[in-house]
Structure formats: C-alpha cells, structure tokens
Amino acid sequence: PLVIRLVGTMEEEGQRILRDAGIEVLRGMEEAAERAASIARGG
C-alpha cells in the first residue's frame, strides 16, 4: 500500500489528481492506516 499525507495549499486539486489516476484517497491518517492494514491482509 502507498500512503501519502496531502495537506495544505492545493490539497483538493492534489486529491482530484490522485483520484483521476485511480488512487484511493482517504481523509484521515487513522482511516488510511486501517485501510493499508486491510490491504496488507488481502482485503
């Protein structure tokens, strides 16, 4: 899993670019950590 913390100027634009590239975007670090653990477990 790839985890990126994207906060600040142009944050929304950066998130849009990632989504358009097919990358899942999650808002919180805890949510992202849980998702990364789930992916690592095969889910």
N, C-alpha and C. Protein backbone atom coordinates (compact mmCIF):
# COMPACT_ATOMS: atom_id res chain seq x y z
N PRO A 1 0.82 -1.21 0.00
CA PRO A 1 0.00 0.00 0.00
C PRO A 1 0.85 1.26 0.00
N LEU A 2 0.34 2.27 -0.62
CA LEU A 2 1.00 3.57 -0.66
C LEU A 2 0.19 4.54 0.19
N VAL A 3 0.84 5.21 1.14
CA VAL A 3 0.16 6.17 2.00
C VAL A 3 0.83 7.52 1.81
N ILE A 4 0.03 8.53 1.47
CA ILE A 4 0.53 9.89 1.26
C ILE A 4 -0.27 10.82 2.15
N ARG A 5 0.41 11.69 2.85
CA ARG A 5 -0.28 12.73 3.63
C ARG A 5 -0.26 13.99 2.78
N LEU A 6 -1.44 14.44 2.39
CA LEU A 6 -1.56 15.59 1.50
C LEU A 6 -2.42 16.64 2.18
N VAL A 7 -1.77 17.69 2.71
CA VAL A 7 -2.47 18.73 3.45
C VAL A 7 -1.91 20.08 3.05
N GLY A 8 -2.79 21.06 2.87
CA GLY A 8 -2.31 22.41 2.63
C GLY A 8 -2.82 23.01 1.33
N THR A 9 -2.05 23.94 0.81
CA THR A 9 -2.39 24.65 -0.41
C THR A 9 -2.58 23.65 -1.55
N MET A 10 -3.66 23.80 -2.28
CA MET A 10 -3.98 22.95 -3.43
C MET A 10 -4.27 21.49 -3.04
N GLU A 11 -4.63 21.28 -1.78
CA GLU A 11 -4.94 19.93 -1.28
C GLU A 11 -6.04 19.27 -2.11
N GLU A 12 -7.13 19.99 -2.34
CA GLU A 12 -8.25 19.42 -3.09
C GLU A 12 -7.85 19.08 -4.52
N GLU A 13 -7.05 19.92 -5.14
CA GLU A 13 -6.57 19.66 -6.50
C GLU A 13 -5.69 18.41 -6.52
N GLY A 14 -4.83 18.29 -5.54
CA GLY A 14 -3.97 17.10 -5.43
C GLY A 14 -4.79 15.84 -5.26
N GLN A 15 -5.82 15.90 -4.43
CA GLN A 15 -6.69 14.74 -4.23
C GLN A 15 -7.42 14.39 -5.53
N ARG A 16 -7.87 15.40 -6.25
CA ARG A 16 -8.55 15.14 -7.53
C ARG A 16 -7.61 14.45 -8.51
N ILE A 17 -6.38 14.91 -8.58
CA ILE A 17 -5.40 14.31 -9.48
C ILE A 17 -5.18 12.84 -9.11
N LEU A 18 -5.05 12.56 -7.82
CA LEU A 18 -4.85 11.18 -7.37
C LEU A 18 -6.06 10.32 -7.72
N ARG A 19 -7.27 10.83 -7.47
CA ARG A 19 -8.48 10.07 -7.80
C ARG A 19 -8.56 9.81 -9.30
N ASP A 20 -8.27 10.83 -10.11
CA ASP A 20 -8.30 10.67 -11.56
C ASP A 20 -7.30 9.62 -12.03
N ALA A 21 -6.24 9.42 -11.27
CA ALA A 21 -5.22 8.41 -11.60
C ALA A 21 -5.60 7.03 -11.05
N GLY A 22 -6.78 6.93 -10.42
CA GLY A 22 -7.23 5.65 -9.91
C GLY A 22 -6.69 5.31 -8.53
N ILE A 23 -6.20 6.31 -7.81
CA ILE A 23 -5.64 6.10 -6.48
C ILE A 23 -6.70 6.45 -5.44
N GLU A 24 -6.94 5.53 -4.52
CA GLU A 24 -7.91 5.75 -3.45
C GLU A 24 -7.42 6.86 -2.52
N VAL A 25 -8.30 7.81 -2.23
CA VAL A 25 -7.95 8.94 -1.37
C VAL A 25 -8.79 8.86 -0.10
N LEU A 26 -8.12 8.86 1.04
CA LEU A 26 -8.78 8.84 2.34
C LEU A 26 -8.39 10.10 3.10
N ARG A 27 -9.30 10.65 3.88
CA ARG A 27 -9.07 11.95 4.52
C ARG A 27 -8.21 11.90 5.78
N GLY A 28 -8.35 10.87 6.60
CA GLY A 28 -7.65 10.85 7.88
C GLY A 28 -6.53 9.83 7.94
N MET A 29 -5.52 10.11 8.77
CA MET A 29 -4.40 9.20 8.90
C MET A 29 -4.84 7.86 9.51
N GLU A 30 -5.74 7.90 10.49
CA GLU A 30 -6.22 6.66 11.11
C GLU A 30 -6.97 5.81 10.08
N GLU A 31 -7.84 6.44 9.31
CA GLU A 31 -8.58 5.73 8.27
C GLU A 31 -7.62 5.13 7.24
N ALA A 32 -6.60 5.88 6.86
CA ALA A 32 -5.62 5.39 5.89
C ALA A 32 -4.82 4.22 6.45
N ALA A 33 -4.45 4.30 7.73
CA ALA A 33 -3.69 3.21 8.36
C ALA A 33 -4.54 1.94 8.42
N GLU A 34 -5.81 2.08 8.76
CA GLU A 34 -6.71 0.93 8.80
C GLU A 34 -6.87 0.32 7.41
N ARG A 35 -6.99 1.16 6.39
CA ARG A 35 -7.15 0.67 5.01
C ARG A 35 -5.88 -0.03 4.55
N ALA A 36 -4.71 0.53 4.87
CA ALA A 36 -3.44 -0.09 4.50
C ALA A 36 -3.30 -1.45 5.16
N ALA A 37 -3.68 -1.56 6.43
CA ALA A 37 -3.62 -2.85 7.13
C ALA A 37 -4.57 -3.85 6.49
N SER A 38 -5.75 -3.39 6.10
CA SER A 38 -6.72 -4.26 5.45
C SER A 38 -6.18 -4.78 4.11
N ILE A 39 -5.58 -3.90 3.33
CA ILE A 39 -4.99 -4.30 2.05
C ILE A 39 -3.87 -5.30 2.28
N ALA A 40 -3.03 -5.06 3.29
CA ALA A 40 -1.91 -5.95 3.59
C ALA A 40 -2.41 -7.34 4.00
N ARG A 41 -3.59 -7.41 4.60
CA ARG A 41 -4.18 -8.70 4.99
C ARG A 41 -4.87 -9.38 3.81
N GLY A 42 -4.92 -8.71 2.67
CA GLY A 42 -5.53 -9.30 1.49
C GLY A 42 -6.92 -8.80 1.19
N GLY A 43 -7.36 -7.75 1.89
CA GLY A 43 -8.73 -7.26 1.71
C GLY A 43 -8.74 -5.96 1.04
